[in-house]
Every structure is written in structure tokens, then in C-alpha cells.
Amino acid sequence: MNRTRSRLLHFLSKSGPSSSTQIATGIGLSPSTVRKHLSVLVLGGCVEVSRGEHARSTAALYSANAGRIQERIEAAQHFTRMDE
């Protein structure tokens, strides 16, 4: 997995649901770079997106999908063992 995406997942795992701006500030990247990587992670099912709790909030909140991440890790380990 891409190092930036790994950093994003680590941040979300530790911090819980966060906006792209919060993530960008937390890992020191631009919001546009973070959104680009988040879109890939959302498509892959490793990150879930929801709207804020307040009715007026339109900010997307991103959270790590621990179950899907674990599946990806196990699949990678399986293929690594196959190569041995």
C-alpha cells in the first residue's frame, strides 16, 4: 500500500472520524492531496464516509473500516506465503 494511504489509515484509526482538513493538518499534507488518497481508500472499502452529526453540517467525515483493512492485510499475507 502507498505510504501516504498508510499514514491516512493510521491517523483515522487513532483519531476516529475526521474531516479531510483535520486529516491534512494531522499528517502535514494539503487537503487536496488527502482528498485524492481518501477517494481511493473509500473506493477500496478501507475508509467509510459520512456526514457530520449536526443537521447543518455538510463536512464529510472519514473513518477507517477496520474489518476491511484486516481483510486486505490477510490477503496480502496469503499471497506472500504463496511466493515462498
N, C-alpha and C. Protein backbone atom coordinates (compact mmCIF):
# COMPACT_ATOMS: atom_id res chain seq x y z
N MET A 1 0.84 -1.18 0.00
CA MET A 1 0.00 0.00 0.00
C MET A 1 0.88 1.24 0.00
N ASN A 2 0.43 2.24 -0.63
CA ASN A 2 1.07 3.54 -0.70
C ASN A 2 1.33 4.08 0.72
N ARG A 3 2.50 4.68 0.92
CA ARG A 3 2.86 5.19 2.25
C ARG A 3 1.89 6.27 2.75
N THR A 4 1.49 7.17 1.86
CA THR A 4 0.55 8.23 2.25
C THR A 4 -0.78 7.63 2.70
N ARG A 5 -1.26 6.63 1.99
CA ARG A 5 -2.52 6.00 2.37
C ARG A 5 -2.38 5.27 3.69
N SER A 6 -1.24 4.68 3.93
CA SER A 6 -0.99 4.03 5.22
C SER A 6 -1.04 5.07 6.35
N ARG A 7 -0.46 6.23 6.10
CA ARG A 7 -0.49 7.30 7.10
C ARG A 7 -1.92 7.77 7.37
N LEU A 8 -2.71 7.88 6.30
CA LEU A 8 -4.11 8.28 6.45
C LEU A 8 -4.86 7.26 7.31
N LEU A 9 -4.69 5.99 7.01
CA LEU A 9 -5.37 4.94 7.76
C LEU A 9 -4.94 4.93 9.22
N HIS A 10 -3.66 5.12 9.46
CA HIS A 10 -3.15 5.16 10.83
C HIS A 10 -3.78 6.33 11.58
N PHE A 11 -3.82 7.49 10.94
CA PHE A 11 -4.41 8.68 11.57
C PHE A 11 -5.87 8.41 11.92
N LEU A 12 -6.64 7.89 10.96
CA LEU A 12 -8.06 7.63 11.20
C LEU A 12 -8.27 6.57 12.27
N SER A 13 -7.41 5.57 12.31
CA SER A 13 -7.52 4.53 13.33
C SER A 13 -7.31 5.08 14.73
N LYS A 14 -6.42 6.05 14.85
CA LYS A 14 -6.11 6.64 16.15
C LYS A 14 -7.08 7.76 16.52
N SER A 15 -7.51 8.55 15.54
CA SER A 15 -8.28 9.77 15.81
C SER A 15 -9.79 9.60 15.68
N GLY A 16 -10.23 8.56 15.01
CA GLY A 16 -11.65 8.41 14.77
C GLY A 16 -12.12 9.27 13.62
N PRO A 17 -13.43 9.38 13.43
CA PRO A 17 -13.97 10.13 12.29
C PRO A 17 -13.41 11.55 12.22
N SER A 18 -12.94 11.92 11.04
CA SER A 18 -12.29 13.22 10.85
C SER A 18 -12.60 13.76 9.47
N SER A 19 -12.57 15.08 9.35
CA SER A 19 -12.74 15.72 8.04
C SER A 19 -11.41 15.67 7.29
N SER A 20 -11.47 15.91 5.99
CA SER A 20 -10.23 15.91 5.21
C SER A 20 -9.28 17.01 5.69
N THR A 21 -9.82 18.12 6.14
CA THR A 21 -8.98 19.21 6.66
C THR A 21 -8.29 18.79 7.95
N GLN A 22 -9.02 18.12 8.84
CA GLN A 22 -8.41 17.63 10.08
C GLN A 22 -7.31 16.61 9.80
N ILE A 23 -7.56 15.74 8.85
CA ILE A 23 -6.57 14.73 8.48
C ILE A 23 -5.34 15.41 7.90
N ALA A 24 -5.56 16.35 6.98
CA ALA A 24 -4.44 17.07 6.35
C ALA A 24 -3.57 17.75 7.39
N THR A 25 -4.21 18.42 8.34
CA THR A 25 -3.46 19.09 9.41
C THR A 25 -2.71 18.06 10.26
N GLY A 26 -3.36 16.96 10.55
CA GLY A 26 -2.77 15.93 11.42
C GLY A 26 -1.57 15.23 10.82
N ILE A 27 -1.54 15.08 9.50
CA ILE A 27 -0.41 14.37 8.89
C ILE A 27 0.48 15.26 8.03
N GLY A 28 0.14 16.55 7.98
CA GLY A 28 1.01 17.50 7.31
C GLY A 28 0.99 17.48 5.79
N LEU A 29 -0.18 17.22 5.24
CA LEU A 29 -0.34 17.25 3.78
C LEU A 29 -1.41 18.26 3.40
N SER A 30 -1.48 18.61 2.13
CA SER A 30 -2.51 19.54 1.69
C SER A 30 -3.86 18.82 1.66
N PRO A 31 -4.95 19.56 1.91
CA PRO A 31 -6.27 18.95 1.85
C PRO A 31 -6.58 18.29 0.51
N SER A 32 -6.11 18.88 -0.59
CA SER A 32 -6.39 18.27 -1.90
C SER A 32 -5.68 16.93 -2.06
N THR A 33 -4.47 16.82 -1.55
CA THR A 33 -3.74 15.55 -1.60
C THR A 33 -4.45 14.51 -0.75
N VAL A 34 -4.90 14.91 0.43
CA VAL A 34 -5.61 14.00 1.31
C VAL A 34 -6.90 13.52 0.66
N ARG A 35 -7.67 14.43 0.06
CA ARG A 35 -8.92 14.04 -0.58
C ARG A 35 -8.68 13.06 -1.73
N LYS A 36 -7.61 13.26 -2.47
CA LYS A 36 -7.27 12.34 -3.58
C LYS A 36 -7.05 10.93 -3.04
N HIS A 37 -6.28 10.80 -1.99
CA HIS A 37 -5.99 9.49 -1.43
C HIS A 37 -7.21 8.90 -0.72
N LEU A 38 -7.99 9.74 -0.07
CA LEU A 38 -9.21 9.26 0.57
C LEU A 38 -10.18 8.66 -0.44
N SER A 39 -10.28 9.27 -1.62
CA SER A 39 -11.20 8.75 -2.63
C SER A 39 -10.82 7.33 -3.03
N VAL A 40 -9.54 7.05 -3.13
CA VAL A 40 -9.07 5.70 -3.46
C VAL A 40 -9.40 4.73 -2.32
N LEU A 41 -9.16 5.18 -1.09
CA LEU A 41 -9.43 4.32 0.06
C LEU A 41 -10.93 4.06 0.24
N VAL A 42 -11.76 5.05 -0.08
CA VAL A 42 -13.21 4.85 0.00
C VAL A 42 -13.64 3.84 -1.05
N LEU A 43 -13.14 3.98 -2.27
CA LEU A 43 -13.48 3.03 -3.33
C LEU A 43 -13.06 1.61 -2.98
N GLY A 44 -11.94 1.47 -2.29
CA GLY A 44 -11.45 0.16 -1.89
C GLY A 44 -12.13 -0.39 -0.64
N GLY A 45 -12.98 0.41 -0.01
CA GLY A 45 -13.70 -0.04 1.17
C GLY A 45 -12.93 0.07 2.47
N CYS A 46 -11.72 0.62 2.44
CA CYS A 46 -10.91 0.73 3.65
C CYS A 46 -11.30 1.94 4.50
N VAL A 47 -11.98 2.90 3.87
CA VAL A 47 -12.44 4.10 4.56
C VAL A 47 -13.91 4.29 4.25
N GLU A 48 -14.67 4.68 5.27
CA GLU A 48 -16.09 4.98 5.09
C GLU A 48 -16.29 6.48 5.26
N VAL A 49 -17.27 7.01 4.57
CA VAL A 49 -17.55 8.45 4.64
C VAL A 49 -18.99 8.67 5.10
N SER A 50 -19.16 9.65 5.97
CA SER A 50 -20.49 10.02 6.46
C SER A 50 -20.54 11.53 6.61
N ARG A 51 -21.69 12.04 6.90
CA ARG A 51 -21.85 13.48 7.14
C ARG A 51 -21.80 13.74 8.63
N GLY A 52 -21.47 14.98 9.00
CA GLY A 52 -21.38 15.35 10.41
C GLY A 52 -22.69 15.12 11.15
N GLU A 53 -22.63 15.12 12.47
CA GLU A 53 -23.79 14.83 13.30
C GLU A 53 -24.80 15.97 13.31
N HIS A 54 -24.35 17.19 13.09
CA HIS A 54 -25.24 18.35 13.15
C HIS A 54 -25.99 18.49 11.84
N ALA A 55 -27.25 18.84 11.92
CA ALA A 55 -28.09 18.95 10.73
C ALA A 55 -27.53 19.95 9.73
N ARG A 56 -26.87 20.98 10.19
CA ARG A 56 -26.33 22.00 9.30
C ARG A 56 -24.95 21.63 8.73
N SER A 57 -24.35 20.62 9.28
CA SER A 57 -23.01 20.22 8.86
C SER A 57 -23.03 19.55 7.49
N THR A 58 -22.18 20.03 6.61
CA THR A 58 -22.06 19.40 5.30
C THR A 58 -20.68 18.75 5.13
N ALA A 59 -19.83 18.90 6.14
CA ALA A 59 -18.48 18.34 6.05
C ALA A 59 -18.53 16.82 6.08
N ALA A 60 -17.83 16.22 5.16
CA ALA A 60 -17.72 14.76 5.15
C ALA A 60 -16.77 14.33 6.26
N LEU A 61 -17.14 13.28 6.96
CA LEU A 61 -16.28 12.70 7.97
C LEU A 61 -15.85 11.33 7.51
N TYR A 62 -14.56 11.08 7.59
CA TYR A 62 -13.98 9.82 7.14
C TYR A 62 -13.58 8.98 8.34
N SER A 63 -13.80 7.68 8.24
CA SER A 63 -13.38 6.77 9.31
C SER A 63 -12.82 5.49 8.70
N ALA A 64 -11.89 4.90 9.43
CA ALA A 64 -11.27 3.65 8.97
C ALA A 64 -12.25 2.50 9.12
N ASN A 65 -12.28 1.63 8.14
CA ASN A 65 -13.09 0.42 8.17
C ASN A 65 -12.16 -0.72 8.59
N ALA A 66 -12.08 -0.95 9.90
CA ALA A 66 -11.11 -1.90 10.45
C ALA A 66 -11.27 -3.30 9.87
N GLY A 67 -12.50 -3.73 9.68
CA GLY A 67 -12.73 -5.07 9.14
C GLY A 67 -12.16 -5.23 7.74
N ARG A 68 -12.39 -4.25 6.89
CA ARG A 68 -11.90 -4.31 5.51
C ARG A 68 -10.38 -4.21 5.48
N ILE A 69 -9.82 -3.39 6.34
CA ILE A 69 -8.36 -3.26 6.40
C ILE A 69 -7.74 -4.59 6.80
N GLN A 70 -8.33 -5.26 7.79
CA GLN A 70 -7.82 -6.56 8.23
C GLN A 70 -7.91 -7.58 7.10
N GLU A 71 -9.00 -7.57 6.34
CA GLU A 71 -9.12 -8.47 5.19
C GLU A 71 -8.00 -8.25 4.18
N ARG A 72 -7.69 -6.99 3.93
CA ARG A 72 -6.61 -6.66 2.98
C ARG A 72 -5.26 -7.15 3.49
N ILE A 73 -5.02 -6.98 4.78
CA ILE A 73 -3.75 -7.44 5.36
C ILE A 73 -3.63 -8.95 5.24
N GLU A 74 -4.70 -9.66 5.57
CA GLU A 74 -4.68 -11.12 5.50
C GLU A 74 -4.50 -11.61 4.06
N ALA A 75 -5.13 -10.93 3.11
CA ALA A 75 -4.96 -11.31 1.70
C ALA A 75 -3.52 -11.11 1.26
N ALA A 76 -2.92 -10.00 1.67
CA ALA A 76 -1.52 -9.75 1.30
C ALA A 76 -0.60 -10.79 1.91
N GLN A 77 -0.87 -11.17 3.16
CA GLN A 77 -0.05 -12.20 3.82
C GLN A 77 -0.21 -13.54 3.12
N HIS A 78 -1.41 -13.84 2.69
CA HIS A 78 -1.67 -15.10 1.98
C HIS A 78 -0.84 -15.16 0.69
N PHE A 79 -0.85 -14.08 -0.08
CA PHE A 79 -0.11 -14.07 -1.34
C PHE A 79 1.40 -14.08 -1.10
N THR A 80 1.83 -13.48 0.00
CA THR A 80 3.25 -13.51 0.34
C THR A 80 3.69 -14.94 0.65
N ARG A 81 2.86 -15.67 1.39
CA ARG A 81 3.19 -17.06 1.72
C ARG A 81 3.21 -17.94 0.46
N MET A 82 2.35 -17.64 -0.49
CA MET A 82 2.30 -18.42 -1.73
C MET A 82 3.59 -18.30 -2.52
N ASP A 83 4.27 -17.16 -2.40
CA ASP A 83 5.51 -16.93 -3.12
C ASP A 83 6.71 -17.61 -2.48
N GLU A 84 6.55 -18.08 -1.26
CA GLU A 84 7.70 -18.68 -0.54
C GLU A 84 7.94 -20.10 -0.97
